[in-house]
Amino acid sequence: MMDNKPEECSVCFNDYAENRLRPRTLPCGHTFCSQ
């Protein structure tokens, strides 16, 4: 799965934001929103 935009989560396609949409990095190096 490739990221469409660096500023959005590649799973839900929401822009990263505060609280539940903060970007977090997994040990494998990929980043997704908290939700």
PDB file of all heavy atoms in Angstrom:
ATOM      1  N   MET A   1       0.850  -1.189   0.000  1.00  0.00           N
ATOM      2  CA  MET A   1       0.000   0.000   0.000  1.00  0.00           C
ATOM      3  C   MET A   1       0.885   1.238   0.000  1.00  0.00           C
ATOM      4  O   MET A   1       1.723   1.424   0.866  1.00  0.00           O
ATOM      5  CB  MET A   1      -0.894  -0.012   1.251  1.00  0.00           C
ATOM      6  CG  MET A   1      -1.876   1.149   1.269  1.00  0.00           C
ATOM      7  SD  MET A   1      -2.865   1.083   2.794  1.00  0.00           S
ATOM      8  CE  MET A   1      -3.723  -0.441   2.555  1.00  0.00           C
ATOM      9  N   MET A   2       0.698   2.103  -1.021  1.00  0.00           N
ATOM     10  CA  MET A   2       1.537   3.288  -1.152  1.00  0.00           C
ATOM     11  C   MET A   2       0.790   4.510  -0.641  1.00  0.00           C
ATOM     12  O   MET A   2      -0.435   4.619  -0.757  1.00  0.00           O
ATOM     13  CB  MET A   2       1.907   3.504  -2.630  1.00  0.00           C
ATOM     14  CG  MET A   2       2.717   2.357  -3.242  1.00  0.00           C
ATOM     15  SD  MET A   2       4.326   2.170  -2.465  1.00  0.00           S
ATOM     16  CE  MET A   2       5.099   3.679  -3.015  1.00  0.00           C
ATOM     17  N   ASP A   3       1.526   5.446  -0.036  1.00  0.00           N
ATOM     18  CA  ASP A   3       0.911   6.671   0.454  1.00  0.00           C
ATOM     19  C   ASP A   3       0.568   7.568  -0.731  1.00  0.00           C
ATOM     20  O   ASP A   3       1.394   7.823  -1.613  1.00  0.00           O
ATOM     21  CB  ASP A   3       1.883   7.404   1.385  1.00  0.00           C
ATOM     22  CG  ASP A   3       2.128   6.612   2.652  1.00  0.00           C
ATOM     23  OD1 ASP A   3       1.277   5.750   2.941  1.00  0.00           O
ATOM     24  OD2 ASP A   3       3.145   6.851   3.314  1.00  0.00           O
ATOM     25  N   ASN A   4      -0.699   8.069  -0.762  1.00  0.00           N
ATOM     26  CA  ASN A   4      -1.095   8.997  -1.808  1.00  0.00           C
ATOM     27  C   ASN A   4      -0.513  10.372  -1.545  1.00  0.00           C
ATOM     28  O   ASN A   4       0.010  11.029  -2.430  1.00  0.00           O
ATOM     29  CB  ASN A   4      -2.621   9.067  -1.901  1.00  0.00           C
ATOM     30  CG  ASN A   4      -3.217   7.748  -2.382  1.00  0.00           C
ATOM     31  OD1 ASN A   4      -2.605   7.072  -3.189  1.00  0.00           O
ATOM     32  ND2 ASN A   4      -4.377   7.382  -1.873  1.00  0.00           N
ATOM     33  N   LYS A   5      -0.625  10.827  -0.328  1.00  0.00           N
ATOM     34  CA  LYS A   5      -0.104  12.124   0.062  1.00  0.00           C
ATOM     35  C   LYS A   5       0.613  11.971   1.393  1.00  0.00           C
ATOM     36  O   LYS A   5       0.110  11.272   2.283  1.00  0.00           O
ATOM     37  CB  LYS A   5      -1.243  13.126   0.196  1.00  0.00           C
ATOM     38  CG  LYS A   5      -1.984  13.411  -1.105  1.00  0.00           C
ATOM     39  CD  LYS A   5      -3.100  14.422  -0.874  1.00  0.00           C
ATOM     40  CE  LYS A   5      -3.856  14.711  -2.164  1.00  0.00           C
ATOM     41  NZ  LYS A   5      -4.956  15.689  -1.932  1.00  0.00           N
ATOM     42  N   PRO A   6       1.734  12.616   1.572  1.00  0.00           N
ATOM     43  CA  PRO A   6       2.473  12.455   2.832  1.00  0.00           C
ATOM     44  C   PRO A   6       1.729  13.023   4.032  1.00  0.00           C
ATOM     45  O   PRO A   6       2.001  12.646   5.164  1.00  0.00           O
ATOM     46  CB  PRO A   6       3.782  13.202   2.581  1.00  0.00           C
ATOM     47  CG  PRO A   6       3.465  14.165   1.484  1.00  0.00           C
ATOM     48  CD  PRO A   6       2.447  13.498   0.617  1.00  0.00           C
ATOM     49  N   GLU A   7       0.799  13.954   3.784  1.00  0.00           N
ATOM     50  CA  GLU A   7       0.094  14.579   4.902  1.00  0.00           C
ATOM     51  C   GLU A   7      -1.174  13.837   5.294  1.00  0.00           C
ATOM     52  O   GLU A   7      -1.880  14.257   6.217  1.00  0.00           O
ATOM     53  CB  GLU A   7      -0.236  16.042   4.568  1.00  0.00           C
ATOM     54  CG  GLU A   7      -1.333  16.226   3.519  1.00  0.00           C
ATOM     55  CD  GLU A   7      -0.789  16.250   2.102  1.00  0.00           C
ATOM     56  OE1 GLU A   7       0.357  15.771   1.911  1.00  0.00           O
ATOM     57  OE2 GLU A   7      -1.492  16.729   1.208  1.00  0.00           O
ATOM     58  N   GLU A   8      -1.480  12.712   4.639  1.00  0.00           N
ATOM     59  CA  GLU A   8      -2.694  11.982   4.981  1.00  0.00           C
ATOM     60  C   GLU A   8      -2.385  10.525   5.278  1.00  0.00           C
ATOM     61  O   GLU A   8      -1.408   9.959   4.783  1.00  0.00           O
ATOM     62  CB  GLU A   8      -3.732  12.079   3.861  1.00  0.00           C
ATOM     63  CG  GLU A   8      -3.376  11.313   2.617  1.00  0.00           C
ATOM     64  CD  GLU A   8      -4.446  11.395   1.545  1.00  0.00           C
ATOM     65  OE1 GLU A   8      -5.295  12.325   1.597  1.00  0.00           O
ATOM     66  OE2 GLU A   8      -4.443  10.534   0.641  1.00  0.00           O
ATOM     67  N   CYS A   9      -3.227   9.907   6.105  1.00  0.00           N
ATOM     68  CA  CYS A   9      -3.087   8.488   6.455  1.00  0.00           C
ATOM     69  C   CYS A   9      -3.443   7.649   5.236  1.00  0.00           C
ATOM     70  O   CYS A   9      -4.489   7.866   4.607  1.00  0.00           O
ATOM     71  CB  CYS A   9      -3.999   8.145   7.634  1.00  0.00           C
ATOM     72  SG  CYS A   9      -4.010   6.379   8.056  1.00  0.00           S
ATOM     73  N   SER A  10      -2.603   6.678   4.883  1.00  0.00           N
ATOM     74  CA  SER A  10      -2.829   5.864   3.693  1.00  0.00           C
ATOM     75  C   SER A  10      -3.900   4.806   3.895  1.00  0.00           C
ATOM     76  O   SER A  10      -4.243   4.093   2.954  1.00  0.00           O
ATOM     77  CB  SER A  10      -1.514   5.189   3.282  1.00  0.00           C
ATOM     78  OG  SER A  10      -1.044   4.340   4.311  1.00  0.00           O
ATOM     79  N   VAL A  11      -4.442   4.674   5.119  1.00  0.00           N
ATOM     80  CA  VAL A  11      -5.517   3.704   5.374  1.00  0.00           C
ATOM     81  C   VAL A  11      -6.884   4.372   5.272  1.00  0.00           C
ATOM     82  O   VAL A  11      -7.762   3.943   4.523  1.00  0.00           O
ATOM     83  CB  VAL A  11      -5.350   3.043   6.749  1.00  0.00           C
ATOM     84  CG1 VAL A  11      -6.530   2.125   7.059  1.00  0.00           C
ATOM     85  CG2 VAL A  11      -4.058   2.233   6.784  1.00  0.00           C
ATOM     86  N   CYS A  12      -7.079   5.455   6.032  1.00  0.00           N
ATOM     87  CA  CYS A  12      -8.380   6.130   6.046  1.00  0.00           C
ATOM     88  C   CYS A  12      -8.415   7.356   5.132  1.00  0.00           C
ATOM     89  O   CYS A  12      -9.481   7.935   4.920  1.00  0.00           O
ATOM     90  CB  CYS A  12      -8.754   6.524   7.468  1.00  0.00           C
ATOM     91  SG  CYS A  12      -7.644   7.747   8.203  1.00  0.00           S
ATOM     92  N   PHE A  13      -7.245   7.791   4.626  1.00  0.00           N
ATOM     93  CA  PHE A  13      -7.117   8.935   3.720  1.00  0.00           C
ATOM     94  C   PHE A  13      -7.527  10.265   4.364  1.00  0.00           C
ATOM     95  O   PHE A  13      -7.808  11.235   3.666  1.00  0.00           O
ATOM     96  CB  PHE A  13      -7.927   8.714   2.430  1.00  0.00           C
ATOM     97  CG  PHE A  13      -7.496   7.490   1.667  1.00  0.00           C
ATOM     98  CD1 PHE A  13      -8.301   6.366   1.633  1.00  0.00           C
ATOM     99  CD2 PHE A  13      -6.269   7.445   1.016  1.00  0.00           C
ATOM    100  CE1 PHE A  13      -7.902   5.230   0.953  1.00  0.00           C
ATOM    101  CE2 PHE A  13      -5.871   6.314   0.319  1.00  0.00           C
ATOM    102  CZ  PHE A  13      -6.683   5.195   0.306  1.00  0.00           C
ATOM    103  N   ASN A  14      -7.589  10.288   5.698  1.00  0.00           N
ATOM    104  CA  ASN A  14      -7.812  11.543   6.402  1.00  0.00           C
ATOM    105  C   ASN A  14      -6.480  12.252   6.614  1.00  0.00           C
ATOM    106  O   ASN A  14      -5.451  11.608   6.824  1.00  0.00           O
ATOM    107  CB  ASN A  14      -8.481  11.301   7.756  1.00  0.00           C
ATOM    108  CG  ASN A  14      -9.917  10.855   7.615  1.00  0.00           C
ATOM    109  OD1 ASN A  14     -10.659  11.384   6.800  1.00  0.00           O
ATOM    110  ND2 ASN A  14     -10.312   9.868   8.398  1.00  0.00           N
ATOM    111  N   ASP A  15      -6.515  13.588   6.554  1.00  0.00           N
ATOM    112  CA  ASP A  15      -5.305  14.341   6.850  1.00  0.00           C
ATOM    113  C   ASP A  15      -4.935  14.164   8.313  1.00  0.00           C
ATOM    114  O   ASP A  15      -5.811  14.104   9.186  1.00  0.00           O
ATOM    115  CB  ASP A  15      -5.526  15.830   6.554  1.00  0.00           C
ATOM    116  CG  ASP A  15      -5.574  16.104   5.059  1.00  0.00           C
ATOM    117  OD1 ASP A  15      -5.247  15.186   4.276  1.00  0.00           O
ATOM    118  OD2 ASP A  15      -5.947  17.232   4.681  1.00  0.00           O
ATOM    119  N   TYR A  16      -3.657  14.059   8.582  1.00  0.00           N
ATOM    120  CA  TYR A  16      -3.205  13.954   9.960  1.00  0.00           C
ATOM    121  C   TYR A  16      -3.601  15.217  10.714  1.00  0.00           C
ATOM    122  O   TYR A  16      -3.506  16.334  10.196  1.00  0.00           O
ATOM    123  CB  TYR A  16      -1.692  13.772  10.028  1.00  0.00           C
ATOM    124  CG  TYR A  16      -1.230  12.444   9.483  1.00  0.00           C
ATOM    125  CD1 TYR A  16      -0.344  12.374   8.397  1.00  0.00           C
ATOM    126  CD2 TYR A  16      -1.667  11.253  10.054  1.00  0.00           C
ATOM    127  CE1 TYR A  16       0.082  11.162   7.904  1.00  0.00           C
ATOM    128  CE2 TYR A  16      -1.237  10.022   9.557  1.00  0.00           C
ATOM    129  CZ  TYR A  16      -0.375   9.991   8.484  1.00  0.00           C
ATOM    130  OH  TYR A  16       0.049   8.785   8.015  1.00  0.00           O
ATOM    131  N   ALA A  17      -4.062  15.028  11.944  1.00  0.00           N
ATOM    132  CA  ALA A  17      -4.507  16.155  12.760  1.00  0.00           C
ATOM    133  C   ALA A  17      -4.310  15.800  14.217  1.00  0.00           C
ATOM    134  O   ALA A  17      -3.647  14.816  14.554  1.00  0.00           O
ATOM    135  CB  ALA A  17      -5.968  16.496  12.460  1.00  0.00           C
ATOM    136  N   GLU A  18      -4.891  16.557  15.110  1.00  0.00           N
ATOM    137  CA  GLU A  18      -4.709  16.354  16.538  1.00  0.00           C
ATOM    138  C   GLU A  18      -5.522  15.161  17.023  1.00  0.00           C
ATOM    139  O   GLU A  18      -6.375  14.615  16.317  1.00  0.00           O
ATOM    140  CB  GLU A  18      -5.117  17.615  17.296  1.00  0.00           C
ATOM    141  CG  GLU A  18      -6.567  18.003  17.088  1.00  0.00           C
ATOM    142  CD  GLU A  18      -6.917  19.309  17.768  1.00  0.00           C
ATOM    143  OE1 GLU A  18      -5.997  20.002  18.223  1.00  0.00           O
ATOM    144  OE2 GLU A  18      -8.106  19.609  17.836  1.00  0.00           O
ATOM    145  N   ASN A  19      -5.215  14.737  18.255  1.00  0.00           N
ATOM    146  CA  ASN A  19      -5.936  13.664  18.957  1.00  0.00           C
ATOM    147  C   ASN A  19      -5.870  12.345  18.192  1.00  0.00           C
ATOM    148  O   ASN A  19      -4.803  11.794  17.996  1.00  0.00           O
ATOM    149  CB  ASN A  19      -7.383  14.083  19.246  1.00  0.00           C
ATOM    150  CG  ASN A  19      -7.431  15.303  20.144  1.00  0.00           C
ATOM    151  OD1 ASN A  19      -6.568  15.487  20.983  1.00  0.00           O
ATOM    152  ND2 ASN A  19      -8.424  16.151  19.945  1.00  0.00           N
ATOM    153  N   ARG A  20      -7.014  11.842  17.679  1.00  0.00           N
ATOM    154  CA  ARG A  20      -7.100  10.503  17.112  1.00  0.00           C
ATOM    155  C   ARG A  20      -6.422  10.362  15.749  1.00  0.00           C
ATOM    156  O   ARG A  20      -6.247   9.254  15.266  1.00  0.00           O
ATOM    157  CB  ARG A  20      -8.575  10.092  16.969  1.00  0.00           C
ATOM    158  CG  ARG A  20      -9.342  10.045  18.268  1.00  0.00           C
ATOM    159  CD  ARG A  20      -8.844   8.896  19.134  1.00  0.00           C
ATOM    160  NE  ARG A  20      -9.100   7.620  18.493  1.00  0.00           N
ATOM    161  CZ  ARG A  20      -8.361   6.533  18.654  1.00  0.00           C
ATOM    162  NH1 ARG A  20      -7.295   6.592  19.416  1.00  0.00           N
ATOM    163  NH2 ARG A  20      -8.671   5.394  18.049  1.00  0.00           N
ATOM    164  N   LEU A  21      -6.065  11.476  15.112  1.00  0.00           N
ATOM    165  CA  LEU A  21      -5.466  11.415  13.784  1.00  0.00           C
ATOM    166  C   LEU A  21      -3.983  11.777  13.784  1.00  0.00           C
ATOM    167  O   LEU A  21      -3.413  12.079  12.738  1.00  0.00           O
ATOM    168  CB  LEU A  21      -6.229  12.336  12.822  1.00  0.00           C
ATOM    169  CG  LEU A  21      -7.683  11.936  12.540  1.00  0.00           C
ATOM    170  CD1 LEU A  21      -8.327  12.930  11.590  1.00  0.00           C
ATOM    171  CD2 LEU A  21      -7.758  10.525  11.958  1.00  0.00           C
ATOM    172  N   ARG A  22      -3.363  11.745  14.946  1.00  0.00           N
ATOM    173  CA  ARG A  22      -1.928  12.049  14.999  1.00  0.00           C
ATOM    174  C   ARG A  22      -1.133  10.931  14.318  1.00  0.00           C
ATOM    175  O   ARG A  22      -1.431   9.740  14.484  1.00  0.00           O
ATOM    176  CB  ARG A  22      -1.447  12.201  16.438  1.00  0.00           C
ATOM    177  CG  ARG A  22      -2.051  13.385  17.168  1.00  0.00           C
ATOM    178  CD  ARG A  22      -1.249  13.757  18.400  1.00  0.00           C
ATOM    179  NE  ARG A  22      -0.031  14.464  18.040  1.00  0.00           N
ATOM    180  CZ  ARG A  22       0.808  14.989  18.938  1.00  0.00           C
ATOM    181  NH1 ARG A  22       0.550  14.865  20.230  1.00  0.00           N
ATOM    182  NH2 ARG A  22       1.890  15.624  18.557  1.00  0.00           N
ATOM    183  N   PRO A  23      -0.123  11.272  13.542  1.00  0.00           N
ATOM    184  CA  PRO A  23       0.678  10.243  12.853  1.00  0.00           C
ATOM    185  C   PRO A  23       1.611   9.535  13.834  1.00  0.00           C
ATOM    186  O   PRO A  23       2.293  10.178  14.623  1.00  0.00           O
ATOM    187  CB  PRO A  23       1.467  11.043  11.818  1.00  0.00           C
ATOM    188  CG  PRO A  23       1.602  12.413  12.434  1.00  0.00           C
ATOM    189  CD  PRO A  23       0.329  12.640  13.200  1.00  0.00           C
ATOM    190  N   ARG A  24       1.642   8.214  13.767  1.00  0.00           N
ATOM    191  CA  ARG A  24       2.528   7.417  14.623  1.00  0.00           C
ATOM    192  C   ARG A  24       3.282   6.411  13.755  1.00  0.00           C
ATOM    193  O   ARG A  24       2.718   5.841  12.820  1.00  0.00           O
ATOM    194  CB  ARG A  24       1.732   6.692  15.721  1.00  0.00           C
ATOM    195  CG  ARG A  24       1.088   7.658  16.713  1.00  0.00           C
ATOM    196  CD  ARG A  24       0.365   6.925  17.840  1.00  0.00           C
ATOM    197  NE  ARG A  24      -0.264   7.865  18.763  1.00  0.00           N
ATOM    198  CZ  ARG A  24       0.355   8.435  19.796  1.00  0.00           C
ATOM    199  NH1 ARG A  24       1.620   8.120  20.040  1.00  0.00           N
ATOM    200  NH2 ARG A  24      -0.284   9.270  20.584  1.00  0.00           N
ATOM    201  N   THR A  25       4.548   6.205  14.096  1.00  0.00           N
ATOM    202  CA  THR A  25       5.424   5.342  13.302  1.00  0.00           C
ATOM    203  C   THR A  25       5.569   3.974  13.951  1.00  0.00           C
ATOM    204  O   THR A  25       5.879   3.866  15.142  1.00  0.00           O
ATOM    205  CB  THR A  25       6.815   5.989  13.138  1.00  0.00           C
ATOM    206  OG1 THR A  25       6.661   7.257  12.516  1.00  0.00           O
ATOM    207  CG2 THR A  25       7.709   5.104  12.269  1.00  0.00           C
ATOM    208  N   LEU A  26       5.350   2.913  13.153  1.00  0.00           N
ATOM    209  CA  LEU A  26       5.517   1.543  13.625  1.00  0.00           C
ATOM    210  C   LEU A  26       6.996   1.151  13.565  1.00  0.00           C
ATOM    211  O   LEU A  26       7.787   1.774  12.849  1.00  0.00           O
ATOM    212  CB  LEU A  26       4.693   0.585  12.762  1.00  0.00           C
ATOM    213  CG  LEU A  26       3.201   0.904  12.622  1.00  0.00           C
ATOM    214  CD1 LEU A  26       2.511  -0.171  11.795  1.00  0.00           C
ATOM    215  CD2 LEU A  26       2.541   1.033  13.991  1.00  0.00           C
ATOM    216  N   PRO A  27       7.401   0.112  14.298  1.00  0.00           N
ATOM    217  CA  PRO A  27       8.807  -0.328  14.258  1.00  0.00           C
ATOM    218  C   PRO A  27       9.292  -0.676  12.860  1.00  0.00           C
ATOM    219  O   PRO A  27      10.483  -0.582  12.578  1.00  0.00           O
ATOM    220  CB  PRO A  27       8.802  -1.568  15.179  1.00  0.00           C
ATOM    221  CG  PRO A  27       7.687  -1.314  16.127  1.00  0.00           C
ATOM    222  CD  PRO A  27       6.627  -0.608  15.322  1.00  0.00           C
ATOM    223  N   CYS A  28       8.380  -1.060  11.956  1.00  0.00           N
ATOM    224  CA  CYS A  28       8.788  -1.401  10.593  1.00  0.00           C
ATOM    225  C   CYS A  28       9.038  -0.163   9.753  1.00  0.00           C
ATOM    226  O   CYS A  28       9.487  -0.259   8.604  1.00  0.00           O
ATOM    227  CB  CYS A  28       7.737  -2.287   9.935  1.00  0.00           C
ATOM    228  SG  CYS A  28       6.089  -1.543   9.865  1.00  0.00           S
ATOM    229  N   GLY A  29       8.722   1.057  10.296  1.00  0.00           N
ATOM    230  CA  GLY A  29       9.013   2.300   9.600  1.00  0.00           C
ATOM    231  C   GLY A  29       7.828   2.959   8.933  1.00  0.00           C
ATOM    232  O   GLY A  29       7.950   4.086   8.458  1.00  0.00           O
ATOM    233  N   HIS A  30       6.668   2.314   8.881  1.00  0.00           N
ATOM    234  CA  HIS A  30       5.504   2.899   8.223  1.00  0.00           C
ATOM    235  C   HIS A  30       4.675   3.715   9.220  1.00  0.00           C
ATOM    236  O   HIS A  30       4.622   3.399  10.404  1.00  0.00           O
ATOM    237  CB  HIS A  30       4.644   1.796   7.586  1.00  0.00           C
ATOM    238  CG  HIS A  30       5.348   1.083   6.485  1.00  0.00           C
ATOM    239  ND1 HIS A  30       5.872  -0.193   6.638  1.00  0.00           N
ATOM    240  CD2 HIS A  30       5.663   1.468   5.221  1.00  0.00           C
ATOM    241  CE1 HIS A  30       6.438  -0.573   5.513  1.00  0.00           C
ATOM    242  NE2 HIS A  30       6.333   0.415   4.630  1.00  0.00           N
ATOM    243  N   THR A  31       4.027   4.756   8.691  1.00  0.00           N
ATOM    244  CA  THR A  31       3.296   5.705   9.531  1.00  0.00           C
ATOM    245  C   THR A  31       1.810   5.690   9.187  1.00  0.00           C
ATOM    246  O   THR A  31       1.438   5.695   8.002  1.00  0.00           O
ATOM    247  CB  THR A  31       3.862   7.125   9.337  1.00  0.00           C
ATOM    248  OG1 THR A  31       5.245   7.123   9.723  1.00  0.00           O
ATOM    249  CG2 THR A  31       3.099   8.128  10.197  1.00  0.00           C
ATOM    250  N   PHE A  32       0.981   5.678  10.261  1.00  0.00           N
ATOM    251  CA  PHE A  32      -0.475   5.724  10.107  1.00  0.00           C
ATOM    252  C   PHE A  32      -1.045   6.553  11.242  1.00  0.00           C
ATOM    253  O   PHE A  32      -0.374   6.808  12.250  1.00  0.00           O
ATOM    254  CB  PHE A  32      -1.085   4.310  10.124  1.00  0.00           C
ATOM    255  CG  PHE A  32      -0.441   3.372   9.144  1.00  0.00           C
ATOM    256  CD1 PHE A  32       0.556   2.500   9.564  1.00  0.00           C
ATOM    257  CD2 PHE A  32      -0.805   3.375   7.809  1.00  0.00           C
ATOM    258  CE1 PHE A  32       1.161   1.641   8.674  1.00  0.00           C
ATOM    259  CE2 PHE A  32      -0.202   2.519   6.904  1.00  0.00           C
ATOM    260  CZ  PHE A  32       0.787   1.652   7.333  1.00  0.00           C
ATOM    261  N   CYS A  33      -2.310   6.948  11.109  1.00  0.00           N
ATOM    262  CA  CYS A  33      -2.926   7.732  12.181  1.00  0.00           C
ATOM    263  C   CYS A  33      -3.247   6.839  13.373  1.00  0.00           C
ATOM    264  O   CYS A  33      -3.392   5.618  13.241  1.00  0.00           O
ATOM    265  CB  CYS A  33      -4.191   8.444  11.676  1.00  0.00           C
ATOM    266  SG  CYS A  33      -5.592   7.344  11.370  1.00  0.00           S
ATOM    267  N   SER A  34      -3.368   7.451  14.548  1.00  0.00           N
ATOM    268  CA  SER A  34      -3.609   6.702  15.786  1.00  0.00           C
ATOM    269  C   SER A  34      -4.891   5.879  15.694  1.00  0.00           C
ATOM    270  O   SER A  34      -4.956   4.743  16.181  1.00  0.00           O
ATOM    271  CB  SER A  34      -3.695   7.678  16.966  1.00  0.00           C
ATOM    272  OG  SER A  34      -2.509   8.422  17.087  1.00  0.00           O
ATOM    273  N   GLN A  35      -5.918   6.450  15.075  1.00  0.00           N
ATOM    274  CA  GLN A  35      -7.203   5.767  14.996  1.00  0.00           C
ATOM    275  C   GLN A  35      -7.103   4.476  14.186  1.00  0.00           C
ATOM    276  O   GLN A  35      -7.618   3.427  14.602  1.00  0.00           O
ATOM    277  CB  GLN A  35      -8.236   6.700  14.349  1.00  0.00           C
ATOM    278  CG  GLN A  35      -9.628   6.105  14.210  1.00  0.00           C
ATOM    279  CD  GLN A  35     -10.618   7.140  13.726  1.00  0.00           C
ATOM    280  OE1 GLN A  35     -11.261   7.821  14.517  1.00  0.00           O
ATOM    281  NE2 GLN A  35     -10.745   7.287  12.409  1.00  0.00           N
TER     282      GLN A  35
END
